[in-house]
Amino acid sequence: MKSIEIDRTKRLKEEPEKGHNRWHPDVPPVLEVDPGEDVVLETRDASDVQMNASIGIGDMAGFDAKVGHPLTGPVYIKGAKPGDLLEIEYTDIIAQPYGWTRNRPGAGFLRDLFTDPILVHWDIKDGWATSKQVPGVRIIDGSFMGTAGIAPSHAQMKVWMEREADLVRRGGTAFPPDAEDAVPSQGPIATEGLRTIPPRENCGNVDAKQLTKGSRLLIPVNVDGALYSAGDGHFAQGDGECCITAIEMGATAVVRFKIHEGEAARHNIVWPRFAHPGYFLPPEWAAPRNFIATMGMPIRADGTQEGEDCLTLAARNALINMIELLQERGWTKEQAYIICSVAVDLKISNIVDLPNVTVSAFLPEDIFQG
């Protein structure tokens, strides 16, 4: 079995030959494999080993800010070429024993309501995560790779940079290329490489919690060899990851590749797809079996009615209502926000009953012990 092994005590910049943290077609492959081979990738957490159980809130101000996400790879898959569809099967995802969740001021879905930093450390053992900062809660193992993808082509990079720059000009949020904390640290990869914060057509940071062991991720190939990389392991996450982090962890991913020759070109497949042959979690957790849910609709705090283009507002209101519910049960506002990020699933309940499209926030009751 081929593998890329890392020193988990070292930052990516100390082992630059093992990975990268920018998307670029010229990142050299670390490993070359045949389709069908099992490949082991050891990965770092999203903080690039800056976080550990002894870190306090005050320490985070000194963190390198633009390291995310440290990726292991790329892996060159023999025979993969543009126009193919690459299938990545996750045959196993193994968690490290420590995880963390944080809220960073200025980031997250409810960044205007949560302006102070929050930090929670998690102990991961026997398939569960528990934390002294959120006592009485245990989160089941739902390990997946938050960030995984393949290299873009040079033409794709140009298009993506232009469209994101246009969004910024129109007042939106995007993160242009930035060489600070880049690995590799020099040359065009550092200065032109795309930040890994947003997912794109090459997949990347989609944070899809259903990509657990047994799942299959399919991505249109852009360059010869596809150049697959992975990192940003999550032990568990709610659909939405509202405070911008899940239960973040280092992980080991075991993957197997299959090439569907010409499939992307033949069917004009541009965006990633994913599938799972069974339950992505035990059925009682995937559903979940026992839950309470809050609703949100597109009505502003001042009573202004919005319409069908405001699903974001409906999701915001569903989360605010869930945080209030958790506060009624005795959790602090900050603890409630963390619980929402790691365990609460946002789902679109209706998108047609205008004007009140509805988003519901589902809280699995069985996370509460005793």
Protein backbone atom coordinates (compact mmCIF):
# COMPACT_ATOMS: atom_id res chain seq x y z
CA MET A 1 0.00 0.00 0.00
CA LYS A 2 1.50 3.34 -1.03
CA SER A 3 1.43 6.24 1.42
CA ILE A 4 2.40 9.81 2.19
CA GLU A 5 3.43 9.93 5.83
CA ILE A 6 3.95 13.17 7.75
CA ASP A 7 5.57 14.19 11.02
CA ARG A 8 2.56 15.30 13.06
CA THR A 9 4.76 17.47 15.28
CA LYS A 10 5.84 19.60 12.31
CA ARG A 11 4.14 22.37 10.37
CA LEU A 12 3.60 21.96 6.64
CA LYS A 13 6.25 24.58 5.94
CA GLU A 14 8.74 22.27 7.69
CA GLU A 15 7.81 19.40 5.34
CA PRO A 16 6.98 21.25 2.11
CA GLU A 17 7.84 18.19 0.06
CA LYS A 18 4.76 16.44 1.52
CA GLY A 19 2.05 18.94 0.60
CA HIS A 20 0.81 22.43 -0.23
CA ASN A 21 -1.85 24.96 0.80
CA ARG A 22 -2.66 26.66 -2.49
CA TRP A 23 -4.39 25.22 -5.58
CA HIS A 24 -2.17 25.40 -8.65
CA PRO A 25 -1.52 23.01 -11.57
CA ASP A 26 2.25 23.29 -11.15
CA VAL A 27 2.40 21.84 -7.62
CA PRO A 28 4.63 18.78 -8.15
CA PRO A 29 3.17 15.38 -7.26
CA VAL A 30 4.43 13.63 -4.14
CA LEU A 31 3.28 10.17 -5.16
CA GLU A 32 2.29 8.34 -8.36
CA VAL A 33 -0.29 5.55 -8.22
CA ASP A 34 -2.33 3.28 -10.45
CA PRO A 35 -6.13 3.31 -10.42
CA GLY A 36 -7.40 0.70 -7.97
CA GLU A 37 -4.50 0.99 -5.55
CA ASP A 38 -5.20 1.80 -1.89
CA VAL A 39 -3.35 4.96 -0.89
CA VAL A 40 -2.78 6.20 2.67
CA LEU A 41 -2.59 9.97 3.26
CA GLU A 42 -1.70 11.33 6.68
CA THR A 43 -3.07 14.86 7.06
CA ARG A 44 -2.75 17.87 9.34
CA ASP A 45 -5.59 19.79 10.98
CA ALA A 46 -6.86 23.06 9.50
CA SER A 47 -4.67 25.16 11.81
CA ASP A 48 -1.53 23.44 10.50
CA VAL A 49 -0.62 22.06 13.94
CA GLN A 50 -0.82 25.47 15.62
CA MET A 51 -3.68 24.30 17.83
CA ASN A 52 -3.32 21.90 20.75
CA ALA A 53 -5.02 21.19 24.08
CA SER A 54 -2.84 23.68 25.97
CA ILE A 55 -3.74 26.65 23.74
CA GLY A 56 -5.93 29.38 25.23
CA ILE A 57 -8.05 32.02 23.56
CA GLY A 58 -5.32 34.63 23.99
CA ASP A 59 -2.78 32.48 22.16
CA MET A 60 -4.72 32.40 18.93
CA ALA A 61 -3.96 36.03 18.13
CA GLY A 62 -0.41 34.97 17.28
CA PHE A 63 -1.41 32.24 14.84
CA ASP A 64 -0.35 32.38 11.19
CA ALA A 65 -3.61 33.43 9.58
CA LYS A 66 -3.32 32.21 5.99
CA VAL A 67 -2.10 28.62 6.37
CA GLY A 68 -5.47 26.97 5.76
CA HIS A 69 -5.79 24.43 4.56
CA PRO A 70 -2.61 22.32 4.73
CA LEU A 71 -3.09 19.55 2.17
CA THR A 72 -1.21 16.28 1.79
CA GLY A 73 -0.30 15.50 -1.81
CA PRO A 74 -0.76 15.84 -4.70
CA VAL A 75 -1.15 12.25 -5.84
CA TYR A 76 -0.67 11.66 -9.56
CA ILE A 77 -3.15 9.07 -10.83
CA LYS A 78 -1.74 7.29 -13.87
CA GLY A 79 -3.92 7.54 -16.94
CA ALA A 80 -6.12 10.40 -15.72
CA LYS A 81 -6.49 13.17 -18.28
CA PRO A 82 -8.68 16.23 -18.91
CA GLY A 83 -12.22 15.22 -19.78
CA ASP A 84 -12.19 12.18 -17.52
CA LEU A 85 -14.20 11.87 -14.34
CA LEU A 86 -12.09 10.89 -11.32
CA GLU A 87 -13.77 8.78 -8.65
CA ILE A 88 -12.26 8.86 -5.16
CA GLU A 89 -13.49 6.15 -2.80
CA TYR A 90 -12.85 6.74 0.89
CA THR A 91 -12.13 3.25 2.21
CA ASP A 92 -11.25 4.57 5.66
CA ILE A 93 -10.87 7.83 7.57
CA ILE A 94 -9.10 7.54 10.92
CA ALA A 95 -9.29 10.31 13.53
CA GLN A 96 -6.46 11.60 15.68
CA PRO A 97 -7.25 11.76 19.44
CA TYR A 98 -7.50 15.56 19.70
CA GLY A 99 -9.90 18.00 18.07
CA TRP A 100 -10.90 21.65 18.39
CA THR A 101 -13.62 24.11 17.43
CA ARG A 102 -13.23 27.88 17.38
CA ASN A 103 -15.09 31.01 16.46
CA ARG A 104 -12.88 33.68 14.92
CA PRO A 105 -14.12 37.29 15.14
CA GLY A 106 -15.08 38.56 11.71
CA ALA A 107 -15.72 35.07 10.37
CA GLY A 108 -18.58 32.59 10.53
CA PHE A 109 -22.21 32.79 9.48
CA LEU A 110 -23.38 34.85 12.49
CA ARG A 111 -20.24 37.00 12.68
CA ASP A 112 -22.24 40.12 13.53
CA LEU A 113 -23.72 38.41 16.60
CA PHE A 114 -20.59 36.61 17.79
CA THR A 115 -17.79 39.16 17.85
CA ASP A 116 -15.57 37.56 20.50
CA PRO A 117 -13.32 34.53 20.06
CA ILE A 118 -14.53 31.13 21.29
CA LEU A 119 -12.39 28.01 21.71
CA VAL A 120 -13.38 24.45 22.57
CA HIS A 121 -10.98 21.50 22.91
CA TRP A 122 -12.30 17.98 22.26
CA ASP A 123 -11.09 14.60 23.49
CA ILE A 124 -11.65 11.93 20.84
CA LYS A 125 -11.90 8.38 22.13
CA ASP A 126 -13.84 5.19 21.36
CA GLY A 127 -15.81 6.80 18.54
CA TRP A 128 -16.98 9.88 20.47
CA ALA A 129 -15.82 13.45 21.06
CA THR A 130 -16.35 15.14 24.44
CA SER A 131 -15.24 18.51 25.80
CA LYS A 132 -14.87 20.08 29.23
CA GLN A 133 -15.97 23.37 27.65
CA VAL A 134 -19.30 21.84 26.59
CA PRO A 135 -20.04 19.36 29.40
CA GLY A 136 -22.82 16.83 29.01
CA VAL A 137 -22.46 16.62 25.24
CA ARG A 138 -20.93 13.81 23.23
CA ILE A 139 -20.62 13.79 19.45
CA ILE A 140 -20.48 10.56 17.44
CA ASP A 141 -17.68 9.85 14.97
CA GLY A 142 -18.61 11.19 11.55
CA SER A 143 -15.05 11.59 10.26
CA PHE A 144 -14.59 13.05 6.78
CA MET A 145 -12.12 15.19 4.88
CA GLY A 146 -13.32 18.78 4.88
CA THR A 147 -11.00 19.75 2.03
CA ALA A 148 -10.17 17.40 -0.82
CA GLY A 149 -9.81 18.04 -4.51
CA ILE A 150 -7.72 18.00 -7.64
CA ALA A 151 -5.62 20.59 -9.43
CA PRO A 152 -7.25 23.24 -11.62
CA SER A 153 -5.92 23.97 -15.07
CA HIS A 154 -4.22 27.29 -15.82
CA ALA A 155 -7.28 28.33 -17.83
CA GLN A 156 -9.59 27.53 -14.91
CA MET A 157 -7.41 29.49 -12.51
CA LYS A 158 -7.65 32.57 -14.73
CA VAL A 159 -11.45 32.33 -14.97
CA TRP A 160 -11.90 31.73 -11.24
CA MET A 161 -9.63 34.61 -10.24
CA GLU A 162 -11.47 36.97 -12.56
CA ARG A 163 -14.93 36.01 -11.34
CA GLU A 164 -13.91 36.28 -7.67
CA ALA A 165 -12.27 39.65 -8.28
CA ASP A 166 -15.49 40.81 -9.95
CA LEU A 167 -17.45 39.72 -6.87
CA VAL A 168 -15.17 41.78 -4.63
CA ARG A 169 -15.65 44.81 -6.90
CA ARG A 170 -19.41 44.38 -6.46
CA GLY A 171 -19.06 44.41 -2.67
CA GLY A 172 -18.90 40.66 -2.05
CA THR A 173 -16.38 38.56 -0.14
CA ALA A 174 -13.61 36.53 -1.74
CA PHE A 175 -9.96 35.86 -0.99
CA PRO A 176 -7.50 36.72 -3.78
CA PRO A 177 -4.12 35.01 -4.13
CA ASP A 178 -1.78 35.89 -1.28
CA ALA A 179 1.77 34.58 -0.77
CA GLU A 180 1.67 35.06 3.02
CA ASP A 181 1.99 31.63 4.71
CA ALA A 182 1.90 29.93 1.30
CA VAL A 183 3.45 26.49 0.79
CA PRO A 184 5.37 26.38 -1.51
CA SER A 185 6.55 29.77 -0.30
CA GLN A 186 8.13 31.07 -3.50
CA GLY A 187 7.35 31.46 -7.18
CA PRO A 188 4.07 31.46 -9.10
CA ILE A 189 2.44 28.84 -6.86
CA ALA A 190 2.77 31.20 -3.88
CA THR A 191 1.87 34.41 -5.71
CA GLU A 192 -0.81 33.06 -8.08
CA GLY A 193 -2.07 29.94 -6.31
CA LEU A 194 -5.73 29.98 -5.32
CA ARG A 195 -6.62 30.12 -1.64
CA THR A 196 -8.30 26.96 -0.39
CA ILE A 197 -11.02 28.75 1.61
CA PRO A 198 -13.84 28.46 -0.96
CA PRO A 199 -14.75 25.25 -2.78
CA ARG A 200 -14.81 25.44 -6.56
CA GLU A 201 -15.26 23.14 -9.57
CA ASN A 202 -12.18 21.16 -8.46
CA CYS A 203 -14.05 20.42 -5.19
CA GLY A 204 -11.76 21.55 -2.34
CA ASN A 205 -13.26 22.90 0.88
CA VAL A 206 -16.85 21.73 0.41
CA ASP A 207 -17.19 20.51 4.04
CA ALA A 208 -19.77 17.89 3.01
CA LYS A 209 -20.32 15.79 6.14
CA GLN A 210 -21.72 12.89 4.10
CA LEU A 211 -18.26 12.12 2.61
CA THR A 212 -17.55 9.57 5.33
CA LYS A 213 -15.98 6.11 5.04
CA GLY A 214 -17.47 4.29 2.06
CA SER A 215 -18.40 7.42 0.14
CA ARG A 216 -17.40 8.17 -3.45
CA LEU A 217 -16.42 11.65 -4.63
CA LEU A 218 -16.45 12.34 -8.39
CA ILE A 219 -14.59 15.32 -9.86
CA PRO A 220 -14.01 16.31 -13.51
CA VAL A 221 -10.31 16.03 -14.33
CA ASN A 222 -8.54 19.24 -15.41
CA VAL A 223 -4.87 18.25 -15.77
CA ASP A 224 -2.91 15.12 -16.56
CA GLY A 225 -2.75 12.88 -13.51
CA ALA A 226 -5.60 14.79 -11.84
CA LEU A 227 -3.31 15.66 -8.86
CA TYR A 228 -5.48 14.78 -5.85
CA SER A 229 -4.80 16.28 -2.41
CA ALA A 230 -6.63 16.12 0.93
CA GLY A 231 -6.57 17.68 4.40
CA ASP A 232 -8.72 19.52 6.94
CA GLY A 233 -10.11 16.43 8.68
CA HIS A 234 -13.39 16.83 10.56
CA PHE A 235 -14.46 14.39 13.29
CA ALA A 236 -18.01 15.74 13.15
CA GLN A 237 -19.92 18.70 11.76
CA GLY A 238 -23.42 20.04 11.44
CA ASP A 239 -24.63 20.77 7.93
CA GLY A 240 -23.73 24.45 7.69
CA GLU A 241 -20.62 24.57 9.96
CA CYS A 242 -21.97 27.92 11.15
CA CYS A 243 -19.10 29.15 13.35
CA ILE A 244 -16.60 28.38 10.53
CA THR A 245 -15.10 25.29 12.19
CA ALA A 246 -16.26 21.75 12.86
CA ILE A 247 -14.50 19.37 15.26
CA GLU A 248 -11.21 19.94 13.49
CA MET A 249 -8.55 17.24 13.66
CA GLY A 250 -5.59 15.60 12.03
CA ALA A 251 -6.63 12.44 10.21
CA THR A 252 -5.48 9.54 8.08
CA ALA A 253 -7.43 9.00 4.87
CA VAL A 254 -7.28 5.75 2.89
CA VAL A 255 -8.44 6.32 -0.68
CA ARG A 256 -8.80 4.38 -3.90
CA PHE A 257 -9.05 5.95 -7.36
CA LYS A 258 -11.05 4.98 -10.44
CA ILE A 259 -11.02 6.76 -13.78
CA HIS A 260 -14.20 7.10 -15.83
CA GLU A 261 -12.59 7.79 -19.19
CA GLY A 262 -14.05 10.76 -21.07
CA GLU A 263 -17.14 10.80 -18.84
CA ALA A 264 -16.93 14.47 -17.83
CA ALA A 265 -16.43 15.66 -21.41
CA ARG A 266 -19.08 13.33 -22.80
CA HIS A 267 -21.78 14.52 -20.39
CA ASN A 268 -20.50 18.08 -19.86
CA ILE A 269 -19.99 17.46 -16.14
CA VAL A 270 -18.45 20.57 -14.60
CA TRP A 271 -19.22 20.30 -10.88
CA PRO A 272 -18.29 17.59 -8.34
CA ARG A 273 -20.74 14.90 -7.32
CA PHE A 274 -20.73 12.46 -4.42
CA ALA A 275 -22.50 9.30 -3.39
CA HIS A 276 -22.63 6.75 -0.58
CA PRO A 277 -23.81 3.13 -0.99
CA GLY A 278 -25.12 2.93 2.59
CA TYR A 279 -25.76 5.21 5.53
CA PHE A 280 -23.06 7.88 5.92
CA LEU A 281 -23.63 7.56 9.69
CA PRO A 282 -25.55 4.98 11.71
CA PRO A 283 -29.21 5.44 10.67
CA GLU A 284 -30.33 6.89 14.00
CA TRP A 285 -27.71 9.65 13.62
CA ALA A 286 -28.01 10.19 9.88
CA ALA A 287 -31.74 10.88 10.13
CA PRO A 288 -31.56 11.59 13.17
CA ARG A 289 -33.86 9.34 15.17
CA ASN A 290 -34.68 11.76 17.99
CA PHE A 291 -34.56 15.48 17.24
CA ILE A 292 -35.98 18.91 17.85
CA ALA A 293 -35.95 21.54 15.10
CA THR A 294 -36.39 25.29 14.85
CA MET A 295 -37.62 27.11 11.75
CA GLY A 296 -36.45 30.26 10.02
CA MET A 297 -38.22 32.33 7.38
CA PRO A 298 -37.07 35.37 5.37
CA ILE A 299 -38.37 38.03 7.75
CA ARG A 300 -35.93 40.58 9.13
CA ALA A 301 -35.67 41.51 12.80
CA ASP A 302 -37.50 44.77 12.08
CA GLY A 303 -40.41 42.83 10.53
CA THR A 304 -39.52 43.47 6.88
CA GLN A 305 -40.75 40.67 4.63
CA GLU A 306 -38.23 39.30 2.12
CA GLY A 307 -38.80 36.71 -0.60
CA GLU A 308 -37.52 33.62 -2.32
CA ASP A 309 -34.00 34.96 -2.90
CA CYS A 310 -33.39 35.15 0.86
CA LEU A 311 -32.75 31.55 1.91
CA THR A 312 -29.66 32.86 3.70
CA LEU A 313 -31.88 35.03 5.90
CA ALA A 314 -34.15 32.06 6.60
CA ALA A 315 -31.11 29.95 7.57
CA ARG A 316 -29.87 32.75 9.83
CA ASN A 317 -33.22 32.94 11.59
CA ALA A 318 -33.38 29.16 12.04
CA LEU A 319 -29.95 29.20 13.68
CA ILE A 320 -30.79 32.17 15.92
CA ASN A 321 -33.94 30.36 17.03
CA MET A 322 -31.93 27.18 17.75
CA ILE A 323 -29.37 29.14 19.78
CA GLU A 324 -32.23 30.64 21.80
CA LEU A 325 -33.69 27.16 22.36
CA LEU A 326 -30.33 25.89 23.63
CA GLN A 327 -30.01 28.92 25.92
CA GLU A 328 -33.43 28.07 27.35
CA ARG A 329 -31.94 24.67 28.24
CA GLY A 330 -29.08 26.25 30.15
CA TRP A 331 -26.28 26.57 27.62
CA THR A 332 -24.47 29.85 27.19
CA LYS A 333 -24.87 31.70 23.91
CA GLU A 334 -21.29 30.74 22.99
CA GLN A 335 -21.76 27.05 23.85
CA ALA A 336 -24.96 27.02 21.81
CA TYR A 337 -23.16 28.43 18.77
CA ILE A 338 -20.49 25.71 19.04
CA ILE A 339 -23.14 22.98 19.37
CA CYS A 340 -24.85 24.31 16.25
CA SER A 341 -21.61 24.24 14.28
CA VAL A 342 -20.67 20.65 15.18
CA ALA A 343 -24.08 18.96 15.45
CA VAL A 344 -27.04 20.97 14.04
CA ASP A 345 -28.10 20.35 10.44
CA LEU A 346 -29.64 23.10 8.32
CA LYS A 347 -32.17 21.78 5.80
CA ILE A 348 -34.39 23.52 3.27
CA SER A 349 -37.93 22.61 4.27
CA ASN A 350 -39.65 24.48 1.46
CA ILE A 351 -38.55 26.70 -1.37
CA VAL A 352 -41.90 27.24 -3.11
CA ASP A 353 -44.41 28.56 -0.56
CA LEU A 354 -43.78 32.24 -1.23
CA PRO A 355 -42.94 34.53 0.32
CA ASN A 356 -41.86 32.39 3.29
CA VAL A 357 -39.32 29.90 2.04
CA THR A 358 -38.32 27.92 5.12
CA VAL A 359 -35.07 26.56 6.52
CA SER A 360 -35.13 24.24 9.54
CA ALA A 361 -32.29 23.61 11.99
CA PHE A 362 -32.25 20.02 13.29
CA LEU A 363 -30.71 19.25 16.70
CA PRO A 364 -30.14 15.53 17.50
CA GLU A 365 -31.29 15.09 21.11
CA ASP A 366 -29.10 12.04 21.66
CA ILE A 367 -25.92 14.14 21.82
CA PHE A 368 -26.93 15.07 25.36
CA GLN A 369 -25.70 12.61 27.99
CA GLY A 370 -27.78 11.53 30.94
